[in-house]
N, C-alpha and C. Protein backbone atom coordinates (compact mmCIF):
# COMPACT_ATOMS: atom_id res chain seq x y z
N MET A 1 -11.60 -18.05 -3.96
CA MET A 1 -11.25 -17.04 -3.00
C MET A 1 -10.43 -15.95 -3.70
N GLU A 2 -10.80 -14.69 -3.46
CA GLU A 2 -10.09 -13.58 -4.07
C GLU A 2 -8.74 -13.38 -3.41
N ALA A 3 -7.80 -12.91 -4.19
CA ALA A 3 -6.45 -12.67 -3.68
C ALA A 3 -6.45 -11.50 -2.70
N ILE A 4 -5.63 -11.63 -1.67
CA ILE A 4 -5.43 -10.56 -0.69
C ILE A 4 -4.02 -10.04 -0.87
N LEU A 5 -3.90 -8.73 -1.04
CA LEU A 5 -2.61 -8.09 -1.19
C LEU A 5 -2.28 -7.37 0.11
N ARG A 6 -1.13 -7.68 0.69
CA ARG A 6 -0.68 -7.03 1.92
C ARG A 6 0.54 -6.17 1.59
N ALA A 7 0.56 -4.96 2.16
CA ALA A 7 1.69 -4.07 1.93
C ALA A 7 1.87 -3.16 3.13
N SER A 8 3.11 -2.72 3.34
CA SER A 8 3.43 -1.73 4.35
C SER A 8 3.74 -0.43 3.63
N VAL A 9 3.16 0.67 4.11
CA VAL A 9 3.37 1.97 3.48
C VAL A 9 3.63 3.03 4.53
N SER A 10 4.25 4.12 4.09
CA SER A 10 4.46 5.28 4.95
C SER A 10 3.23 6.18 4.84
N LEU A 11 3.18 7.23 5.63
CA LEU A 11 2.06 8.17 5.57
C LEU A 11 1.92 8.82 4.20
N ASP A 12 3.04 8.96 3.49
CA ASP A 12 2.98 9.57 2.16
C ASP A 12 2.84 8.52 1.05
N GLY A 13 2.47 7.30 1.41
CA GLY A 13 2.14 6.28 0.43
C GLY A 13 3.29 5.52 -0.17
N LYS A 14 4.49 5.68 0.35
CA LYS A 14 5.65 4.95 -0.18
C LYS A 14 5.69 3.54 0.39
N LEU A 15 6.07 2.58 -0.45
CA LEU A 15 6.17 1.20 0.00
C LEU A 15 7.35 1.04 0.95
N LEU A 16 7.13 0.25 1.98
CA LEU A 16 8.16 0.00 2.98
C LEU A 16 8.41 -1.50 3.10
N THR A 17 9.56 -1.86 3.60
CA THR A 17 9.84 -3.25 3.94
C THR A 17 9.10 -3.57 5.24
N ALA A 18 9.11 -4.81 5.63
CA ALA A 18 8.47 -5.22 6.89
C ALA A 18 9.10 -4.52 8.09
N LEU A 19 10.35 -4.07 7.95
CA LEU A 19 11.04 -3.38 9.04
C LEU A 19 10.80 -1.87 9.04
N GLY A 20 9.97 -1.39 8.08
CA GLY A 20 9.66 0.03 8.04
C GLY A 20 10.67 0.88 7.29
N LYS A 21 11.51 0.27 6.49
CA LYS A 21 12.50 1.00 5.68
C LYS A 21 11.97 1.15 4.26
N PRO A 22 12.34 2.23 3.53
CA PRO A 22 11.88 2.39 2.15
C PRO A 22 12.23 1.17 1.30
N SER A 23 11.27 0.71 0.52
CA SER A 23 11.46 -0.47 -0.31
C SER A 23 12.05 -0.07 -1.66
N ARG A 24 12.94 -0.89 -2.16
CA ARG A 24 13.51 -0.67 -3.50
C ARG A 24 12.71 -1.42 -4.55
N ARG A 25 11.79 -2.25 -4.11
CA ARG A 25 11.00 -3.06 -5.03
C ARG A 25 9.55 -2.60 -5.00
N GLY A 26 8.96 -2.52 -6.16
CA GLY A 26 7.55 -2.21 -6.24
C GLY A 26 6.73 -3.48 -6.28
N ILE A 27 5.43 -3.33 -6.30
CA ILE A 27 4.52 -4.47 -6.42
C ILE A 27 4.08 -4.53 -7.88
N PRO A 28 4.23 -5.67 -8.54
CA PRO A 28 3.77 -5.77 -9.93
C PRO A 28 2.29 -5.38 -10.03
N PHE A 29 1.99 -4.51 -10.98
CA PHE A 29 0.63 -3.98 -11.08
C PHE A 29 -0.41 -5.07 -11.31
N ASP A 30 -0.04 -6.17 -11.97
CA ASP A 30 -1.02 -7.23 -12.18
C ASP A 30 -1.48 -7.84 -10.85
N ARG A 31 -0.60 -7.82 -9.83
CA ARG A 31 -1.00 -8.31 -8.50
C ARG A 31 -2.04 -7.38 -7.88
N VAL A 32 -1.88 -6.08 -8.10
CA VAL A 32 -2.85 -5.11 -7.59
C VAL A 32 -4.19 -5.33 -8.29
N LEU A 33 -4.15 -5.54 -9.60
CA LEU A 33 -5.39 -5.75 -10.36
C LEU A 33 -6.12 -7.02 -9.95
N LYS A 34 -5.39 -8.07 -9.59
CA LYS A 34 -6.00 -9.34 -9.23
C LYS A 34 -6.55 -9.37 -7.80
N ALA A 35 -6.10 -8.44 -6.98
CA ALA A 35 -6.48 -8.45 -5.57
C ALA A 35 -7.93 -8.02 -5.39
N GLY A 36 -8.64 -8.75 -4.56
CA GLY A 36 -10.00 -8.37 -4.19
C GLY A 36 -10.02 -7.66 -2.85
N GLU A 37 -8.93 -7.80 -2.12
CA GLU A 37 -8.81 -7.18 -0.81
C GLU A 37 -7.39 -6.66 -0.64
N LEU A 38 -7.28 -5.52 0.03
CA LEU A 38 -5.99 -4.88 0.27
C LEU A 38 -5.87 -4.60 1.76
N ILE A 39 -4.79 -5.09 2.35
CA ILE A 39 -4.53 -4.84 3.77
C ILE A 39 -3.23 -4.04 3.86
N LEU A 40 -3.35 -2.80 4.33
CA LEU A 40 -2.20 -1.92 4.44
C LEU A 40 -1.80 -1.74 5.89
N THR A 41 -0.52 -1.85 6.17
CA THR A 41 0.04 -1.46 7.46
C THR A 41 0.67 -0.10 7.22
N ILE A 42 0.14 0.93 7.88
CA ILE A 42 0.58 2.29 7.66
C ILE A 42 1.49 2.70 8.82
N HIS A 43 2.74 3.02 8.49
CA HIS A 43 3.73 3.40 9.49
C HIS A 43 3.70 4.92 9.70
N PRO A 44 3.89 5.39 10.93
CA PRO A 44 3.83 6.83 11.21
C PRO A 44 5.12 7.56 10.83
N LEU A 45 5.44 7.57 9.54
CA LEU A 45 6.63 8.27 9.07
C LEU A 45 6.43 8.71 7.64
N ILE A 46 7.24 9.66 7.21
CA ILE A 46 7.25 10.13 5.83
C ILE A 46 8.53 9.59 5.20
N ALA A 47 8.40 8.80 4.13
CA ALA A 47 9.56 8.20 3.49
C ALA A 47 10.13 9.13 2.42
N GLY A 48 9.27 9.78 1.65
CA GLY A 48 9.72 10.72 0.63
C GLY A 48 10.60 10.10 -0.42
N GLY A 49 11.13 10.93 -1.29
CA GLY A 49 12.06 10.47 -2.32
C GLY A 49 11.38 10.01 -3.60
N ASN A 50 11.90 10.46 -4.73
CA ASN A 50 11.32 10.09 -6.02
C ASN A 50 11.63 8.66 -6.42
N SER A 51 12.64 8.04 -5.81
CA SER A 51 13.01 6.69 -6.23
C SER A 51 12.31 5.61 -5.40
N THR A 52 11.51 6.01 -4.43
CA THR A 52 10.79 5.05 -3.60
C THR A 52 9.43 4.77 -4.22
N ALA A 53 9.15 3.52 -4.49
CA ALA A 53 7.89 3.14 -5.15
C ALA A 53 6.70 3.33 -4.23
N THR A 54 5.55 3.62 -4.84
CA THR A 54 4.27 3.64 -4.13
C THR A 54 3.52 2.37 -4.51
N LEU A 55 2.36 2.18 -3.96
CA LEU A 55 1.56 1.00 -4.28
C LEU A 55 1.22 0.95 -5.77
N SER A 56 1.08 2.13 -6.38
CA SER A 56 0.70 2.19 -7.80
C SER A 56 1.89 2.34 -8.74
N GLY A 57 3.11 2.30 -8.23
CA GLY A 57 4.29 2.41 -9.09
C GLY A 57 5.20 3.53 -8.62
N LEU A 58 6.12 3.91 -9.45
CA LEU A 58 7.03 4.99 -9.11
C LEU A 58 6.33 6.34 -9.20
N PRO A 59 6.71 7.30 -8.36
CA PRO A 59 6.10 8.63 -8.44
C PRO A 59 6.21 9.20 -9.85
N GLY A 60 5.13 9.86 -10.28
CA GLY A 60 5.10 10.43 -11.62
C GLY A 60 4.42 9.52 -12.63
N GLU A 61 4.31 8.24 -12.30
CA GLU A 61 3.59 7.32 -13.19
C GLU A 61 2.12 7.34 -12.82
N PHE A 62 1.26 6.95 -13.73
CA PHE A 62 -0.16 6.92 -13.47
C PHE A 62 -0.67 5.50 -13.55
N LEU A 63 -1.75 5.24 -12.84
CA LEU A 63 -2.36 3.92 -12.89
C LEU A 63 -2.86 3.63 -14.30
N ALA A 64 -2.73 2.39 -14.70
CA ALA A 64 -3.20 2.00 -16.03
C ALA A 64 -4.72 2.11 -16.14
N GLN A 65 -5.41 1.98 -15.04
CA GLN A 65 -6.87 2.11 -15.01
C GLN A 65 -7.29 2.47 -13.59
N ASP A 66 -8.50 2.96 -13.49
CA ASP A 66 -9.00 3.34 -12.17
C ASP A 66 -9.21 2.11 -11.31
N LEU A 67 -8.89 2.24 -10.03
CA LEU A 67 -9.14 1.18 -9.06
C LEU A 67 -10.05 1.77 -7.99
N GLU A 68 -11.14 1.12 -7.73
CA GLU A 68 -12.06 1.62 -6.72
C GLU A 68 -12.09 0.65 -5.55
N TRP A 69 -11.79 1.18 -4.35
CA TRP A 69 -11.74 0.40 -3.13
C TRP A 69 -12.62 1.07 -2.09
N GLU A 70 -13.17 0.27 -1.19
CA GLU A 70 -13.90 0.83 -0.06
C GLU A 70 -13.21 0.38 1.22
N LEU A 71 -13.11 1.31 2.18
CA LEU A 71 -12.50 1.01 3.46
C LEU A 71 -13.46 0.14 4.27
N VAL A 72 -12.99 -1.02 4.70
CA VAL A 72 -13.81 -1.95 5.47
C VAL A 72 -13.56 -1.77 6.97
N SER A 73 -12.28 -1.62 7.34
CA SER A 73 -11.94 -1.43 8.75
C SER A 73 -10.58 -0.77 8.88
N ALA A 74 -10.38 -0.14 10.03
CA ALA A 74 -9.08 0.45 10.34
C ALA A 74 -8.87 0.33 11.84
N THR A 75 -7.68 -0.10 12.23
CA THR A 75 -7.36 -0.23 13.66
C THR A 75 -6.00 0.37 13.93
N LYS A 76 -5.88 0.98 15.10
CA LYS A 76 -4.60 1.56 15.52
C LYS A 76 -3.91 0.55 16.42
N GLY A 77 -2.66 0.26 16.11
CA GLY A 77 -1.88 -0.70 16.89
C GLY A 77 -0.83 -0.01 17.73
N THR A 78 0.16 -0.75 18.11
CA THR A 78 1.24 -0.21 18.92
C THR A 78 2.17 0.66 18.09
N ALA A 79 2.86 1.56 18.73
CA ALA A 79 3.86 2.44 18.11
C ALA A 79 3.28 3.27 16.97
N GLY A 80 1.97 3.54 17.00
CA GLY A 80 1.35 4.39 15.99
C GLY A 80 1.04 3.71 14.67
N LEU A 81 1.23 2.40 14.58
CA LEU A 81 0.90 1.69 13.34
C LEU A 81 -0.61 1.63 13.16
N ILE A 82 -1.04 1.77 11.92
CA ILE A 82 -2.46 1.65 11.59
C ILE A 82 -2.60 0.53 10.57
N THR A 83 -3.58 -0.33 10.76
CA THR A 83 -3.87 -1.37 9.79
C THR A 83 -5.22 -1.03 9.16
N ALA A 84 -5.22 -0.87 7.85
CA ALA A 84 -6.44 -0.53 7.13
C ALA A 84 -6.75 -1.66 6.13
N ARG A 85 -8.01 -2.07 6.11
CA ARG A 85 -8.44 -3.15 5.21
C ARG A 85 -9.42 -2.57 4.21
N TYR A 86 -9.11 -2.78 2.93
CA TYR A 86 -9.96 -2.30 1.85
C TYR A 86 -10.48 -3.48 1.04
N ARG A 87 -11.64 -3.31 0.47
CA ARG A 87 -12.22 -4.33 -0.42
C ARG A 87 -12.55 -3.65 -1.75
N ARG A 88 -12.31 -4.36 -2.82
CA ARG A 88 -12.63 -3.81 -4.16
C ARG A 88 -14.13 -3.60 -4.27
N LYS A 89 -14.51 -2.45 -4.80
CA LYS A 89 -15.95 -2.14 -5.00
C LYS A 89 -16.51 -2.94 -6.15
């Protein structure tokens, strides 16, 4: 079974905690590389800030290699939350 990576992000792609606050921790890139499926909970806010990590690392850094994903499904939940499910191509 392929690994599933779950993350919460803001509209501008910043990682958030489960409570919707900017995260101080990033996701190790090897976990992103190993994932066959990505489930994002997208919060209706802009987190901003150069010190807030994105799914691919800190702003200004580049991915070590291209990652290709296809959107499988997206659903709108309560309070404007969106859940998007991606699968590696």
